[in-house]
Amino acid sequence: MSHTAVMLHNDAEDVTRVERLLAALRLPLLRCEQVDELELCLETCRQCLVLLNLEAKGVDNALLRRVSKACDQVHIIGISKRPYHPELEQALRSHLLTVVAHPINDEELGLCLRGVLES
């Protein structure tokens, strides 16, 4: 399966870590710094893997609904420092594949990425 990986995150160390993990899986990464950039990137993809900083400005239930409908097939992995997001309760149940802890653990994210790419 051919995917496009898009990341909305501004932590340079995490972005570098994700790029390295995706390179090992032969998957390039498009990086976005704002929600509107993310939505523009998603307009052109059919199968997307979205890595989303859940603390980024503009991330809410409505955005996650739009992202989940933007592509024919989309997998959303959240990245968060916080263990609980009551403001995203609806999206967490229906739109996110999983949430990984920030700072990103290579093994945890690698396992999630392989699971997405094998599905």
N, C-alpha and C. Protein backbone atom coordinates (compact mmCIF):
# COMPACT_ATOMS: atom_id res chain seq x y z
N MET A 1 0.84 -1.18 0.00
CA MET A 1 0.00 0.00 0.00
C MET A 1 0.88 1.24 0.00
N SER A 2 0.58 2.21 -0.84
CA SER A 2 1.36 3.44 -0.93
C SER A 2 0.68 4.53 -0.11
N HIS A 3 1.43 5.10 0.80
CA HIS A 3 0.90 6.13 1.66
C HIS A 3 1.65 7.44 1.48
N THR A 4 1.02 8.50 1.88
CA THR A 4 1.65 9.79 2.06
C THR A 4 1.63 10.03 3.56
N ALA A 5 2.77 10.39 4.14
CA ALA A 5 2.83 10.71 5.57
C ALA A 5 2.86 12.22 5.71
N VAL A 6 1.99 12.74 6.56
CA VAL A 6 1.90 14.17 6.81
C VAL A 6 1.96 14.36 8.32
N MET A 7 2.79 15.30 8.76
CA MET A 7 2.97 15.51 10.19
C MET A 7 2.71 16.97 10.54
N LEU A 8 1.82 17.18 11.51
CA LEU A 8 1.59 18.51 12.08
C LEU A 8 2.23 18.49 13.47
N HIS A 9 3.44 19.03 13.53
CA HIS A 9 4.19 18.99 14.78
C HIS A 9 5.34 19.97 14.64
N ASN A 10 5.73 20.64 15.73
CA ASN A 10 6.78 21.64 15.61
C ASN A 10 8.01 21.33 16.46
N ASP A 11 8.09 20.16 17.04
CA ASP A 11 9.27 19.78 17.82
C ASP A 11 10.30 19.17 16.86
N ALA A 12 11.41 19.88 16.65
CA ALA A 12 12.41 19.46 15.65
C ALA A 12 12.96 18.07 15.94
N GLU A 13 13.19 17.75 17.20
CA GLU A 13 13.72 16.44 17.55
C GLU A 13 12.73 15.33 17.20
N ASP A 14 11.46 15.54 17.50
CA ASP A 14 10.44 14.55 17.16
C ASP A 14 10.30 14.40 15.64
N VAL A 15 10.34 15.51 14.92
CA VAL A 15 10.22 15.45 13.46
C VAL A 15 11.38 14.65 12.88
N THR A 16 12.59 14.89 13.37
CA THR A 16 13.76 14.15 12.89
C THR A 16 13.62 12.66 13.19
N ARG A 17 13.15 12.34 14.38
CA ARG A 17 12.95 10.94 14.78
C ARG A 17 11.93 10.27 13.86
N VAL A 18 10.83 10.95 13.59
CA VAL A 18 9.79 10.39 12.73
C VAL A 18 10.30 10.24 11.30
N GLU A 19 11.04 11.22 10.80
CA GLU A 19 11.61 11.11 9.45
C GLU A 19 12.51 9.88 9.34
N ARG A 20 13.31 9.63 10.37
CA ARG A 20 14.21 8.47 10.36
C ARG A 20 13.41 7.16 10.35
N LEU A 21 12.37 7.09 11.18
CA LEU A 21 11.53 5.88 11.21
C LEU A 21 10.82 5.66 9.88
N LEU A 22 10.31 6.72 9.31
CA LEU A 22 9.60 6.60 8.04
C LEU A 22 10.55 6.27 6.89
N ALA A 23 11.77 6.80 6.93
CA ALA A 23 12.76 6.48 5.89
C ALA A 23 13.07 4.99 5.89
N ALA A 24 13.13 4.39 7.08
CA ALA A 24 13.37 2.95 7.17
C ALA A 24 12.22 2.16 6.55
N LEU A 25 11.04 2.75 6.54
CA LEU A 25 9.86 2.12 5.94
C LEU A 25 9.62 2.61 4.50
N ARG A 26 10.56 3.40 3.99
CA ARG A 26 10.49 3.96 2.63
C ARG A 26 9.26 4.82 2.42
N LEU A 27 9.01 5.67 3.39
CA LEU A 27 7.85 6.55 3.33
C LEU A 27 8.31 7.99 3.60
N PRO A 28 8.17 8.88 2.62
CA PRO A 28 8.58 10.28 2.83
C PRO A 28 7.59 11.00 3.74
N LEU A 29 8.07 12.09 4.33
CA LEU A 29 7.26 12.86 5.27
C LEU A 29 7.08 14.28 4.78
N LEU A 30 5.84 14.74 4.75
CA LEU A 30 5.52 16.14 4.51
C LEU A 30 5.25 16.76 5.87
N ARG A 31 5.89 17.86 6.16
CA ARG A 31 5.73 18.49 7.48
C ARG A 31 4.91 19.76 7.36
N CYS A 32 3.95 19.90 8.26
CA CYS A 32 3.11 21.09 8.32
C CYS A 32 3.27 21.74 9.70
N GLU A 33 3.20 23.06 9.72
CA GLU A 33 3.32 23.76 10.99
C GLU A 33 1.99 24.31 11.48
N GLN A 34 1.00 24.36 10.58
CA GLN A 34 -0.31 24.89 10.96
C GLN A 34 -1.41 24.00 10.39
N VAL A 35 -2.57 24.08 11.02
CA VAL A 35 -3.71 23.26 10.63
C VAL A 35 -4.11 23.49 9.17
N ASP A 36 -4.11 24.75 8.72
CA ASP A 36 -4.51 25.01 7.34
C ASP A 36 -3.54 24.38 6.33
N GLU A 37 -2.24 24.33 6.65
CA GLU A 37 -1.27 23.63 5.80
C GLU A 37 -1.59 22.14 5.72
N LEU A 38 -1.94 21.56 6.86
CA LEU A 38 -2.29 20.14 6.91
C LEU A 38 -3.48 19.86 5.99
N GLU A 39 -4.51 20.67 6.11
CA GLU A 39 -5.70 20.44 5.30
C GLU A 39 -5.42 20.60 3.81
N LEU A 40 -4.55 21.51 3.43
CA LEU A 40 -4.16 21.66 2.02
C LEU A 40 -3.41 20.42 1.53
N CYS A 41 -2.50 19.91 2.34
CA CYS A 41 -1.76 18.69 1.97
C CYS A 41 -2.71 17.52 1.75
N LEU A 42 -3.72 17.41 2.58
CA LEU A 42 -4.63 16.27 2.51
C LEU A 42 -5.55 16.31 1.30
N GLU A 43 -5.69 17.48 0.69
CA GLU A 43 -6.55 17.58 -0.50
C GLU A 43 -6.04 16.76 -1.67
N THR A 44 -4.74 16.48 -1.70
CA THR A 44 -4.15 15.79 -2.85
C THR A 44 -3.79 14.34 -2.59
N CYS A 45 -4.04 13.83 -1.41
CA CYS A 45 -3.64 12.44 -1.15
C CYS A 45 -4.85 11.51 -1.15
N ARG A 46 -4.57 10.24 -1.42
CA ARG A 46 -5.63 9.24 -1.39
C ARG A 46 -5.49 8.32 -0.19
N GLN A 47 -4.26 8.02 0.17
CA GLN A 47 -3.99 7.17 1.33
C GLN A 47 -2.99 7.93 2.20
N CYS A 48 -3.45 8.40 3.33
CA CYS A 48 -2.59 9.24 4.16
C CYS A 48 -2.40 8.66 5.55
N LEU A 49 -1.21 8.86 6.04
CA LEU A 49 -0.87 8.61 7.42
C LEU A 49 -0.63 9.98 8.02
N VAL A 50 -1.45 10.38 8.98
CA VAL A 50 -1.34 11.70 9.58
C VAL A 50 -0.82 11.54 11.00
N LEU A 51 0.28 12.22 11.28
CA LEU A 51 0.84 12.28 12.62
C LEU A 51 0.52 13.67 13.15
N LEU A 52 -0.25 13.74 14.20
CA LEU A 52 -0.87 15.00 14.61
C LEU A 52 -0.57 15.34 16.05
N ASN A 53 0.07 16.49 16.26
CA ASN A 53 0.29 17.00 17.62
C ASN A 53 -1.07 17.46 18.16
N LEU A 54 -1.56 16.75 19.15
CA LEU A 54 -2.89 17.05 19.68
C LEU A 54 -2.95 18.36 20.46
N GLU A 55 -1.79 18.91 20.82
CA GLU A 55 -1.75 20.20 21.51
C GLU A 55 -1.61 21.39 20.56
N ALA A 56 -1.49 21.13 19.26
CA ALA A 56 -1.31 22.21 18.29
C ALA A 56 -2.56 23.09 18.24
N LYS A 57 -2.34 24.36 17.99
CA LYS A 57 -3.45 25.31 17.87
C LYS A 57 -4.36 24.89 16.73
N GLY A 58 -5.66 24.83 17.00
CA GLY A 58 -6.64 24.48 15.98
C GLY A 58 -7.03 23.02 15.93
N VAL A 59 -6.38 22.19 16.75
CA VAL A 59 -6.74 20.76 16.76
C VAL A 59 -7.94 20.58 17.68
N ASP A 60 -9.04 20.14 17.09
CA ASP A 60 -10.26 19.90 17.85
C ASP A 60 -11.05 18.78 17.18
N ASN A 61 -12.21 18.46 17.74
CA ASN A 61 -13.04 17.39 17.18
C ASN A 61 -13.41 17.66 15.72
N ALA A 62 -13.73 18.90 15.40
CA ALA A 62 -14.12 19.24 14.02
C ALA A 62 -12.96 19.01 13.05
N LEU A 63 -11.75 19.39 13.43
CA LEU A 63 -10.60 19.16 12.56
C LEU A 63 -10.41 17.66 12.33
N LEU A 64 -10.47 16.89 13.37
CA LEU A 64 -10.27 15.45 13.24
C LEU A 64 -11.34 14.81 12.35
N ARG A 65 -12.57 15.31 12.41
CA ARG A 65 -13.62 14.83 11.50
C ARG A 65 -13.27 15.18 10.05
N ARG A 66 -12.82 16.42 9.82
CA ARG A 66 -12.45 16.83 8.46
C ARG A 66 -11.27 16.01 7.94
N VAL A 67 -10.28 15.80 8.78
CA VAL A 67 -9.11 15.02 8.37
C VAL A 67 -9.51 13.60 8.03
N SER A 68 -10.37 13.01 8.85
CA SER A 68 -10.76 11.61 8.61
C SER A 68 -11.57 11.45 7.32
N LYS A 69 -12.15 12.55 6.81
CA LYS A 69 -12.92 12.49 5.57
C LYS A 69 -12.16 13.05 4.38
N ALA A 70 -10.96 13.55 4.60
CA ALA A 70 -10.20 14.23 3.54
C ALA A 70 -9.66 13.28 2.49
N CYS A 71 -9.36 12.06 2.85
CA CYS A 71 -8.74 11.10 1.94
C CYS A 71 -9.62 9.86 1.82
N ASP A 72 -9.37 9.09 0.76
CA ASP A 72 -10.07 7.82 0.62
C ASP A 72 -9.78 6.92 1.82
N GLN A 73 -8.51 6.91 2.22
CA GLN A 73 -8.11 6.10 3.37
C GLN A 73 -7.12 6.92 4.19
N VAL A 74 -7.45 7.18 5.44
CA VAL A 74 -6.58 7.97 6.31
C VAL A 74 -6.44 7.28 7.65
N HIS A 75 -5.23 7.30 8.17
CA HIS A 75 -4.93 6.78 9.50
C HIS A 75 -4.34 7.94 10.29
N ILE A 76 -4.92 8.24 11.44
CA ILE A 76 -4.45 9.37 12.24
C ILE A 76 -3.83 8.83 13.52
N ILE A 77 -2.58 9.22 13.74
CA ILE A 77 -1.87 8.90 14.98
C ILE A 77 -1.65 10.22 15.71
N GLY A 78 -2.17 10.33 16.91
CA GLY A 78 -1.98 11.52 17.72
C GLY A 78 -0.67 11.46 18.48
N ILE A 79 -0.12 12.63 18.76
CA ILE A 79 1.09 12.76 19.57
C ILE A 79 0.74 13.74 20.68
N SER A 80 1.01 13.34 21.94
CA SER A 80 0.58 14.19 23.04
C SER A 80 1.45 14.05 24.27
N LYS A 81 1.65 15.15 24.96
CA LYS A 81 2.32 15.15 26.26
C LYS A 81 1.33 14.74 27.35
N ARG A 82 0.06 15.02 27.10
CA ARG A 82 -0.97 14.77 28.11
C ARG A 82 -1.58 13.38 27.92
N PRO A 83 -1.86 12.70 29.03
CA PRO A 83 -2.48 11.37 28.92
C PRO A 83 -3.99 11.42 28.66
N TYR A 84 -4.61 12.59 28.88
CA TYR A 84 -6.07 12.67 28.79
C TYR A 84 -6.46 13.95 28.07
N HIS A 85 -7.36 13.84 27.12
CA HIS A 85 -7.85 14.98 26.33
C HIS A 85 -9.38 14.99 26.34
N PRO A 86 -10.00 15.49 27.40
CA PRO A 86 -11.47 15.47 27.43
C PRO A 86 -12.10 16.27 26.30
N GLU A 87 -11.42 17.30 25.80
CA GLU A 87 -11.95 18.10 24.71
C GLU A 87 -11.96 17.36 23.38
N LEU A 88 -11.23 16.25 23.30
CA LEU A 88 -11.17 15.46 22.08
C LEU A 88 -11.81 14.08 22.26
N GLU A 89 -12.65 13.94 23.26
CA GLU A 89 -13.22 12.63 23.58
C GLU A 89 -13.91 11.98 22.38
N GLN A 90 -14.72 12.73 21.68
CA GLN A 90 -15.43 12.17 20.52
C GLN A 90 -14.45 11.69 19.46
N ALA A 91 -13.47 12.51 19.13
CA ALA A 91 -12.49 12.16 18.10
C ALA A 91 -11.63 10.98 18.51
N LEU A 92 -11.28 10.91 19.77
CA LEU A 92 -10.45 9.81 20.26
C LEU A 92 -11.15 8.47 20.06
N ARG A 93 -12.46 8.47 20.18
CA ARG A 93 -13.21 7.23 20.02
C ARG A 93 -13.40 6.85 18.56
N SER A 94 -13.52 7.83 17.68
CA SER A 94 -13.92 7.48 16.32
C SER A 94 -12.93 7.83 15.20
N HIS A 95 -11.96 8.68 15.44
CA HIS A 95 -11.11 9.13 14.34
C HIS A 95 -9.63 8.82 14.51
N LEU A 96 -9.16 8.67 15.73
CA LEU A 96 -7.74 8.42 15.94
C LEU A 96 -7.46 6.93 16.05
N LEU A 97 -6.42 6.51 15.37
CA LEU A 97 -5.98 5.13 15.46
C LEU A 97 -5.37 4.87 16.83
N THR A 98 -4.49 5.76 17.25
CA THR A 98 -3.81 5.65 18.53
C THR A 98 -3.21 6.99 18.90
N VAL A 99 -2.74 7.11 20.13
CA VAL A 99 -2.02 8.28 20.59
C VAL A 99 -0.70 7.81 21.18
N VAL A 100 0.40 8.40 20.72
CA VAL A 100 1.71 8.08 21.27
C VAL A 100 2.18 9.25 22.13
N ALA A 101 3.00 8.93 23.12
CA ALA A 101 3.47 9.92 24.07
C ALA A 101 4.55 10.81 23.46
N HIS A 102 4.55 12.05 23.89
CA HIS A 102 5.61 12.99 23.54
C HIS A 102 6.49 13.14 24.76
N PRO A 103 7.78 13.03 24.71
CA PRO A 103 8.59 12.83 23.52
C PRO A 103 8.37 11.43 22.94
N ILE A 104 8.49 11.34 21.63
CA ILE A 104 8.19 10.11 20.92
C ILE A 104 9.21 9.02 21.23
N ASN A 105 8.69 7.84 21.51
CA ASN A 105 9.51 6.65 21.72
C ASN A 105 9.57 5.92 20.38
N ASP A 106 10.80 5.67 19.89
CA ASP A 106 10.98 5.03 18.58
C ASP A 106 10.27 3.69 18.47
N GLU A 107 10.37 2.87 19.49
CA GLU A 107 9.75 1.54 19.43
C GLU A 107 8.24 1.63 19.37
N GLU A 108 7.67 2.50 20.20
CA GLU A 108 6.20 2.66 20.23
C GLU A 108 5.68 3.15 18.89
N LEU A 109 6.28 4.20 18.36
CA LEU A 109 5.82 4.74 17.09
C LEU A 109 6.13 3.78 15.95
N GLY A 110 7.27 3.14 15.98
CA GLY A 110 7.62 2.17 14.94
C GLY A 110 6.60 1.05 14.84
N LEU A 111 6.16 0.56 15.98
CA LEU A 111 5.14 -0.49 16.01
C LEU A 111 3.83 0.01 15.39
N CYS A 112 3.43 1.24 15.74
CA CYS A 112 2.21 1.81 15.17
C CYS A 112 2.33 1.99 13.66
N LEU A 113 3.48 2.49 13.21
CA LEU A 113 3.68 2.72 11.78
C LEU A 113 3.63 1.41 10.99
N ARG A 114 4.31 0.40 11.50
CA ARG A 114 4.29 -0.90 10.80
C ARG A 114 2.87 -1.45 10.74
N GLY A 115 2.12 -1.29 11.81
CA GLY A 115 0.73 -1.76 11.82
C GLY A 115 -0.11 -1.07 10.77
N VAL A 116 0.07 0.24 10.61
CA VAL A 116 -0.68 0.99 9.61
C VAL A 116 -0.30 0.54 8.20
N LEU A 117 0.98 0.42 7.95
CA LEU A 117 1.45 0.10 6.61
C LEU A 117 1.13 -1.34 6.21
N GLU A 118 0.96 -2.22 7.17
CA GLU A 118 0.62 -3.59 6.86
C GLU A 118 -0.88 -3.80 6.67
N SER A 119 -1.67 -2.84 7.08
CA SER A 119 -3.14 -2.99 6.97
C SER A 119 -3.64 -2.68 5.59
